[in-house]
Amino acid sequence: MLLSKIIDLIKKGNSGFISSENIEEINIKSAASLENASKNEITFLEENNKLRDFISTTDVSAIIIGKNELLIEEIKKRKTSIIIVENPRVAFAEILNIFETKFKQKKGIDDSANIANSSVIGVDCYIGPNVIIGENTIIGSNNYIFPGVVISENVEIGDNNIFFPNCVIYQNTIIKNNCIVNSNTVIGSEGFGFIPQNGKWKKMPQTGGVILNNEVEIGTNCCVDRPAVGFTEIGEGTKIDNLVQIGHGVNIGKNCAFAAQVGIAGGAIIGDGVILAGQVGVNNRVKVGNNVIASSKCGIHCDINDGEVVSGFPAMQNKSWLRSSSVFKKLPELAKKLRQLDKK
């Protein structure tokens, strides 16, 4: 793609285009990181990036940067094309999206796909080899369903979604528009519902479903369970990393971000804009307020108010946790002193 066309697309994007300098009309074949970039590639650089030293050696054809005069002058010495924006990382993300279009050119239904007669498939979809689609399922337009995907009966899928190989969508699931479900993830599996009775476990049938609202993205090897009744729901714009477990009846707000190995027990309510770092655990029926941040390995056992930053196990305010953790390593010494005082 010609560099001038890429610049036009950046101008239309959300990165806040400012200007361009040293522009050479050259064909840009791909995007790369600065340390690995070469001719006919484009990269980006933020002001405090440790890769800044690579400017003196790179052969990259174009660099996206912020408005930093010293940095601009340094790059000009290399005679590299410069694109200046308010947010270089956003601009680079938009460019990566431009280059990630090859698979989206696929259309049509593979002969090996098994689609129930009562299901409805919209226009401009790609349905790959060995896909199974159950009875009374409705699939909208421009969806990409890759090989080995299983979509059960009574599922509703909107437009512009991507289902990567071997993911499974159980019955009574609703997936709206512009969602991504990565490989081996299971949406709508049975919730862990058992009732103790006479020393045994009686199974509670899980007859509910799951709702993924617009622009939800779910990583690889995740599970989102359905409840006994009602729905497990994930709010618009929420992004979920790999190896995450969402229990039955959980309600997650808009624009949340969960890192790998997060586990949320049944019935928990998560507000909007919540960030859960890796291996955070949330107890059943806990309410986590809007814009809460929980650091890695945090154990949330009770309700958390809006805007709090929590750490530790059990979770406490981050400042308290930092003070406490600084004392933990001194405990052996303090215990020794206590024993000495006790002897006296």
Protein backbone atom coordinates (compact mmCIF):
# COMPACT_ATOMS: atom_id res chain seq x y z
CA MET A 1 0.00 0.00 0.00
CA LEU A 2 1.35 3.44 -0.90
CA LEU A 3 2.47 5.55 2.04
CA SER A 4 0.25 8.43 0.92
CA LYS A 5 -2.80 6.17 1.15
CA ILE A 6 -1.79 5.05 4.66
CA ILE A 7 -1.48 8.71 5.69
CA ASP A 8 -4.97 9.40 4.34
CA LEU A 9 -6.33 6.53 6.43
CA ILE A 10 -4.54 7.83 9.54
CA LYS A 11 -6.10 11.25 8.96
CA LYS A 12 -9.53 9.62 9.05
CA GLY A 13 -8.70 7.60 12.18
CA ASN A 14 -8.77 8.37 15.88
CA SER A 15 -5.07 9.00 16.53
CA GLY A 16 -5.18 12.79 16.08
CA PHE A 17 -3.18 13.39 12.89
CA ILE A 18 -0.97 16.50 13.09
CA SER A 19 1.38 16.56 10.08
CA SER A 20 3.84 14.56 7.98
CA GLU A 21 7.42 15.32 6.91
CA ASN A 22 10.10 13.85 4.64
CA ILE A 23 7.40 11.85 2.88
CA GLU A 24 8.71 9.55 0.16
CA GLU A 25 6.05 7.91 -1.99
CA ILE A 26 6.93 4.30 -1.35
CA ASN A 27 5.02 1.05 -1.16
CA ILE A 28 4.59 -0.07 2.46
CA LYS A 29 4.36 -3.86 2.59
CA SER A 30 3.95 -4.41 6.32
CA ALA A 31 4.25 -3.01 9.86
CA ALA A 32 7.01 -3.94 12.31
CA SER A 33 8.62 -3.00 15.62
CA LEU A 34 11.42 -0.44 15.38
CA GLU A 35 14.22 -2.87 16.28
CA ASN A 36 13.17 -5.30 13.54
CA ALA A 37 11.82 -2.91 10.91
CA SER A 38 13.40 -2.60 7.45
CA LYS A 39 12.77 -0.87 4.14
CA ASN A 40 9.17 -0.84 2.90
CA GLU A 41 7.89 -1.18 6.46
CA ILE A 42 6.26 1.23 8.91
CA THR A 43 6.66 1.44 12.68
CA PHE A 44 5.89 3.75 15.61
CA LEU A 45 7.81 5.25 18.51
CA GLU A 46 6.61 6.83 21.74
CA GLU A 47 8.66 9.48 23.54
CA ASN A 48 9.76 7.34 26.48
CA ASN A 49 10.24 4.17 24.47
CA LYS A 50 13.48 2.27 25.15
CA LEU A 51 13.70 1.49 21.43
CA ARG A 52 14.68 5.09 20.69
CA ASP A 53 18.35 4.05 20.28
CA PHE A 54 17.40 2.07 17.17
CA ILE A 55 16.69 5.29 15.26
CA SER A 56 20.38 5.59 14.36
CA THR A 57 20.49 2.13 12.73
CA THR A 58 17.03 1.44 11.36
CA ASP A 59 16.25 1.21 7.64
CA VAL A 60 12.49 1.53 8.19
CA SER A 61 10.69 3.60 5.56
CA ALA A 62 8.24 5.45 7.85
CA ILE A 63 7.90 6.15 11.58
CA ILE A 64 4.80 7.33 13.43
CA ILE A 65 5.67 9.58 16.38
CA GLY A 66 4.16 12.19 18.69
CA LYS A 67 4.87 15.91 18.53
CA ASN A 68 8.43 15.94 19.85
CA GLU A 69 10.77 18.34 18.05
CA LEU A 70 14.00 16.67 19.25
CA LEU A 71 12.76 13.29 18.11
CA ILE A 72 11.63 14.68 14.77
CA GLU A 73 15.04 16.25 14.11
CA GLU A 74 16.78 13.02 15.08
CA ILE A 75 14.69 11.01 12.61
CA LYS A 76 15.13 13.58 9.84
CA LYS A 77 18.85 12.76 9.81
CA ARG A 78 17.92 9.28 8.61
CA LYS A 79 15.78 10.70 5.79
CA THR A 80 12.93 8.53 7.03
CA SER A 81 9.32 9.52 6.36
CA ILE A 82 7.71 10.93 9.51
CA ILE A 83 4.03 10.88 10.45
CA ILE A 84 3.20 13.03 13.48
CA VAL A 85 0.07 12.26 15.50
CA GLU A 86 -1.26 12.86 18.99
CA ASN A 87 -1.33 9.14 19.83
CA PRO A 88 1.25 7.03 17.92
CA ARG A 89 0.11 3.74 19.49
CA VAL A 90 -3.49 4.24 18.31
CA ALA A 91 -2.30 5.13 14.81
CA PHE A 92 -0.13 2.01 14.67
CA ALA A 93 -3.06 -0.13 15.81
CA GLU A 94 -5.14 1.30 12.97
CA ILE A 95 -2.37 0.47 10.49
CA LEU A 96 -2.11 -3.11 11.77
CA ASN A 97 -5.82 -3.41 11.16
CA ILE A 98 -5.27 -2.32 7.56
CA PHE A 99 -2.73 -5.08 6.97
CA GLU A 100 -4.85 -7.71 8.74
CA THR A 101 -7.43 -8.05 6.00
CA LYS A 102 -6.34 -11.12 4.03
CA PHE A 103 -8.57 -13.61 5.85
CA LYS A 104 -11.52 -11.24 5.53
CA GLN A 105 -11.46 -11.74 1.80
CA LYS A 106 -12.82 -15.26 2.27
CA LYS A 107 -16.49 -15.76 1.51
CA GLY A 108 -18.79 -18.72 1.00
CA ILE A 109 -19.68 -21.97 2.72
CA ASP A 110 -17.34 -24.96 2.60
CA ASP A 111 -18.88 -28.19 1.30
CA SER A 112 -17.97 -30.04 4.51
CA ALA A 113 -19.92 -27.65 6.77
CA ASN A 114 -22.99 -29.22 8.41
CA ILE A 115 -25.76 -26.63 8.67
CA ALA A 116 -29.26 -27.45 9.91
CA ASN A 117 -32.05 -26.72 7.44
CA SER A 118 -33.89 -24.55 9.98
CA SER A 119 -30.92 -22.22 10.47
CA VAL A 120 -30.58 -18.90 8.63
CA ILE A 121 -27.24 -17.60 7.32
CA GLY A 122 -26.82 -13.95 6.28
CA VAL A 123 -24.97 -12.60 3.27
CA ASP A 124 -21.19 -12.33 2.80
CA CYS A 125 -20.34 -14.92 5.45
CA TYR A 126 -17.43 -17.32 5.43
CA ILE A 127 -18.14 -20.75 6.93
CA GLY A 128 -15.07 -22.99 6.92
CA PRO A 129 -14.49 -26.75 6.76
CA ASN A 130 -16.20 -29.01 9.31
CA VAL A 131 -18.26 -26.23 10.90
CA ILE A 132 -21.47 -27.43 12.57
CA ILE A 133 -24.49 -25.14 12.97
CA GLY A 134 -27.53 -26.43 14.85
CA GLU A 135 -31.29 -26.06 14.47
CA ASN A 136 -33.08 -22.69 14.63
CA THR A 137 -29.87 -20.69 14.73
CA ILE A 138 -29.77 -17.26 13.10
CA ILE A 139 -26.47 -15.88 11.82
CA GLY A 140 -26.23 -12.34 10.43
CA SER A 141 -24.09 -10.89 7.67
CA ASN A 142 -20.33 -10.69 7.17
CA ASN A 143 -19.42 -13.27 9.81
CA TYR A 144 -16.25 -15.36 9.66
CA ILE A 145 -16.64 -18.86 11.10
CA PHE A 146 -13.40 -20.77 10.83
CA PRO A 147 -12.83 -24.56 10.63
CA GLY A 148 -14.13 -26.81 13.36
CA VAL A 149 -16.41 -24.26 15.03
CA VAL A 150 -19.54 -25.74 16.61
CA ILE A 151 -22.59 -23.50 17.00
CA SER A 152 -25.48 -25.22 18.75
CA GLU A 153 -29.23 -24.79 18.35
CA ASN A 154 -31.21 -21.64 19.20
CA VAL A 155 -28.23 -19.30 18.88
CA GLU A 156 -28.51 -15.71 17.63
CA ILE A 157 -25.46 -14.09 16.06
CA GLY A 158 -25.39 -10.54 14.66
CA ASP A 159 -23.10 -9.04 12.04
CA ASN A 160 -19.31 -8.73 11.55
CA ASN A 161 -18.26 -11.33 14.10
CA ILE A 162 -15.21 -13.63 13.96
CA PHE A 163 -15.11 -17.16 15.39
CA PHE A 164 -11.66 -18.70 15.23
CA PRO A 165 -11.08 -22.45 14.83
CA ASN A 166 -12.60 -24.97 17.24
CA CYS A 167 -14.53 -22.60 19.49
CA VAL A 168 -17.92 -23.84 20.72
CA ILE A 169 -21.10 -21.79 21.10
CA TYR A 170 -23.78 -23.56 23.16
CA GLN A 171 -27.56 -23.21 22.91
CA ASN A 172 -29.44 -20.06 23.95
CA THR A 173 -26.43 -17.83 23.32
CA ILE A 174 -26.85 -14.33 21.91
CA ILE A 175 -23.81 -12.71 20.29
CA LYS A 176 -24.39 -9.23 18.92
CA ASN A 177 -22.12 -7.34 16.49
CA ASN A 178 -18.34 -6.98 15.96
CA CYS A 179 -17.35 -9.64 18.49
CA ILE A 180 -14.31 -11.93 18.37
CA VAL A 181 -14.17 -15.40 19.95
CA ASN A 182 -10.74 -17.04 19.75
CA SER A 183 -9.83 -20.69 19.34
CA ASN A 184 -10.95 -23.36 21.82
CA THR A 185 -13.09 -20.95 23.82
CA VAL A 186 -16.49 -22.21 24.98
CA ILE A 187 -19.44 -19.84 25.28
CA GLY A 188 -22.52 -21.07 27.15
CA SER A 189 -21.22 -24.26 28.75
CA GLU A 190 -23.05 -25.59 31.81
CA GLY A 191 -22.64 -23.58 34.97
CA PHE A 192 -21.26 -25.41 38.01
CA GLY A 193 -24.64 -25.89 39.64
CA PHE A 194 -24.97 -28.66 42.25
CA ILE A 195 -27.03 -28.91 45.44
CA PRO A 196 -25.81 -30.91 48.46
CA GLN A 197 -28.37 -33.57 49.38
CA ASN A 198 -27.88 -36.53 51.73
CA GLY A 199 -24.12 -36.46 51.34
CA LYS A 200 -24.30 -36.34 47.57
CA TRP A 201 -24.54 -33.65 44.89
CA LYS A 202 -27.84 -33.14 43.06
CA LYS A 203 -27.47 -31.52 39.66
CA MET A 204 -29.25 -28.20 39.04
CA PRO A 205 -30.13 -28.06 35.32
CA GLN A 206 -28.57 -25.04 33.61
CA THR A 207 -31.28 -23.85 31.23
CA GLY A 208 -30.17 -20.22 30.77
CA GLY A 209 -27.92 -18.61 28.19
CA VAL A 210 -25.12 -16.14 27.55
CA ILE A 211 -25.21 -12.66 26.01
CA LEU A 212 -22.15 -11.05 24.42
CA ASN A 213 -22.87 -7.43 23.60
CA ASN A 214 -21.26 -5.43 20.77
CA GLU A 215 -17.46 -5.43 20.38
CA VAL A 216 -16.73 -8.03 23.04
CA GLU A 217 -13.46 -9.91 22.43
CA ILE A 218 -12.62 -13.16 24.19
CA GLY A 219 -9.22 -14.86 24.08
CA THR A 220 -8.18 -18.48 23.66
CA ASN A 221 -9.23 -21.30 26.02
CA CYS A 222 -11.80 -19.27 27.97
CA CYS A 223 -15.12 -20.48 29.40
CA VAL A 224 -18.26 -18.41 29.84
CA ASP A 225 -20.88 -20.51 31.65
CA ARG A 226 -24.67 -20.30 31.35
CA PRO A 227 -26.81 -20.15 34.52
CA ALA A 228 -29.75 -22.23 35.67
CA VAL A 229 -32.12 -19.45 34.58
CA GLY A 230 -31.58 -16.07 32.96
CA PHE A 231 -28.32 -15.01 31.32
CA THR A 232 -24.62 -14.56 31.94
CA GLU A 233 -23.93 -11.21 30.26
CA ILE A 234 -20.78 -9.43 29.11
CA GLY A 235 -21.10 -5.71 28.40
CA GLU A 236 -20.24 -3.81 25.25
CA GLY A 237 -16.56 -3.27 24.51
CA THR A 238 -15.22 -5.62 27.19
CA LYS A 239 -11.97 -7.42 26.34
CA ILE A 240 -11.00 -10.76 27.91
CA ASP A 241 -7.56 -12.40 27.71
CA ASN A 242 -6.75 -16.13 27.45
CA LEU A 243 -7.60 -18.74 30.09
CA VAL A 244 -10.35 -16.77 31.82
CA GLN A 245 -13.32 -18.41 33.60
CA ILE A 246 -16.62 -16.51 33.81
CA GLY A 247 -19.06 -18.31 36.11
CA HIS A 248 -22.81 -18.79 35.64
CA GLY A 249 -25.04 -15.75 36.08
CA VAL A 250 -22.15 -13.25 36.15
CA ASN A 251 -22.95 -9.76 34.87
CA ILE A 252 -20.00 -7.79 33.48
CA GLY A 253 -20.25 -4.11 32.54
CA LYS A 254 -18.99 -2.15 29.56
CA ASN A 255 -15.35 -1.62 28.51
CA CYS A 256 -13.76 -3.89 31.11
CA ALA A 257 -10.39 -5.58 30.61
CA PHE A 258 -9.48 -8.93 32.21
CA ALA A 259 -5.98 -10.41 31.94
CA ALA A 260 -5.12 -14.11 31.76
CA GLN A 261 -6.30 -16.60 34.39
CA VAL A 262 -8.91 -14.32 35.93
CA GLY A 263 -11.68 -16.33 37.60
CA ILE A 264 -15.12 -14.90 38.39
CA ALA A 265 -17.48 -17.03 40.46
CA GLY A 266 -21.21 -17.36 39.81
CA GLY A 267 -23.53 -14.43 40.36
CA ALA A 268 -20.81 -11.76 40.65
CA ILE A 269 -21.61 -8.30 39.31
CA ILE A 270 -18.77 -6.35 37.70
CA GLY A 271 -19.25 -2.65 36.91
CA ASP A 272 -18.13 -0.63 33.87
CA GLY A 273 -14.48 0.04 33.11
CA VAL A 274 -13.12 -2.54 35.57
CA ILE A 275 -9.54 -3.79 35.10
CA LEU A 276 -8.63 -7.18 36.57
CA ALA A 277 -4.95 -8.10 36.26
CA GLY A 278 -3.66 -11.65 35.87
CA GLN A 279 -4.98 -14.38 38.20
CA VAL A 280 -7.45 -12.14 40.02
CA GLY A 281 -10.23 -14.13 41.67
CA VAL A 282 -13.71 -12.75 42.39
CA ASN A 283 -15.97 -14.53 44.90
CA ASN A 284 -19.55 -15.51 44.10
CA ARG A 285 -22.21 -12.78 44.30
CA VAL A 286 -19.61 -10.07 44.99
CA LYS A 287 -20.29 -6.61 43.54
CA VAL A 288 -17.32 -4.79 42.03
CA GLY A 289 -18.00 -1.10 41.34
CA ASN A 290 -17.24 0.96 38.24
CA ASN A 291 -13.62 1.71 37.28
CA VAL A 292 -12.12 -0.58 39.92
CA ILE A 293 -8.55 -1.79 39.34
CA ALA A 294 -7.40 -5.06 40.93
CA SER A 295 -3.70 -5.95 40.77
CA SER A 296 -2.33 -9.43 39.98
CA LYS A 297 -3.33 -12.41 42.16
CA CYS A 298 -5.80 -10.25 44.08
CA GLY A 299 -8.59 -12.13 45.86
CA ILE A 300 -11.86 -10.17 45.95
CA HIS A 301 -14.08 -11.65 48.67
CA CYS A 302 -16.38 -8.69 49.43
CA ASP A 303 -17.97 -5.77 47.60
CA ILE A 304 -15.63 -3.08 46.19
CA ASN A 305 -16.74 0.53 45.81
CA ASP A 306 -16.45 2.56 42.60
CA GLY A 307 -12.98 3.72 41.64
CA GLU A 308 -10.99 1.76 44.22
CA VAL A 309 -7.58 0.25 43.50
CA VAL A 310 -7.19 -3.02 45.40
CA SER A 311 -4.41 -5.56 45.94
CA GLY A 312 -3.62 -8.60 48.03
CA PHE A 313 -5.41 -11.62 49.39
CA PRO A 314 -7.93 -10.89 50.70
CA ALA A 315 -8.23 -7.69 48.69
CA MET A 316 -7.65 -4.37 50.43
CA GLN A 317 -6.93 -0.84 49.26
CA ASN A 318 -3.67 -0.78 47.33
CA LYS A 319 -1.97 1.70 49.68
CA SER A 320 -2.77 -0.47 52.68
CA TRP A 321 -1.50 -3.54 50.86
CA LEU A 322 1.80 -1.84 50.01
CA ARG A 323 2.32 -0.85 53.65
CA SER A 324 1.40 -4.34 54.82
CA SER A 325 3.62 -6.12 52.30
CA SER A 326 6.61 -4.05 53.42
CA VAL A 327 6.04 -5.42 56.94
CA PHE A 328 5.64 -9.06 55.85
CA LYS A 329 9.33 -9.59 55.12
CA LYS A 330 10.19 -8.20 58.55
CA LEU A 331 7.92 -10.65 60.40
CA PRO A 332 10.63 -13.24 61.24
CA GLU A 333 12.78 -10.52 62.80
CA LEU A 334 9.81 -9.04 64.66
CA ALA A 335 8.78 -12.51 65.91
CA LYS A 336 12.31 -13.10 67.21
CA LYS A 337 12.24 -9.82 69.10
CA LEU A 338 8.85 -10.69 70.60
CA ARG A 339 10.20 -14.03 71.84
CA GLN A 340 13.16 -12.25 73.37
CA LEU A 341 10.87 -9.77 75.11
CA ASP A 342 8.64 -12.62 76.29
CA LYS A 343 11.64 -14.35 77.90
CA LYS A 344 12.57 -11.15 79.71
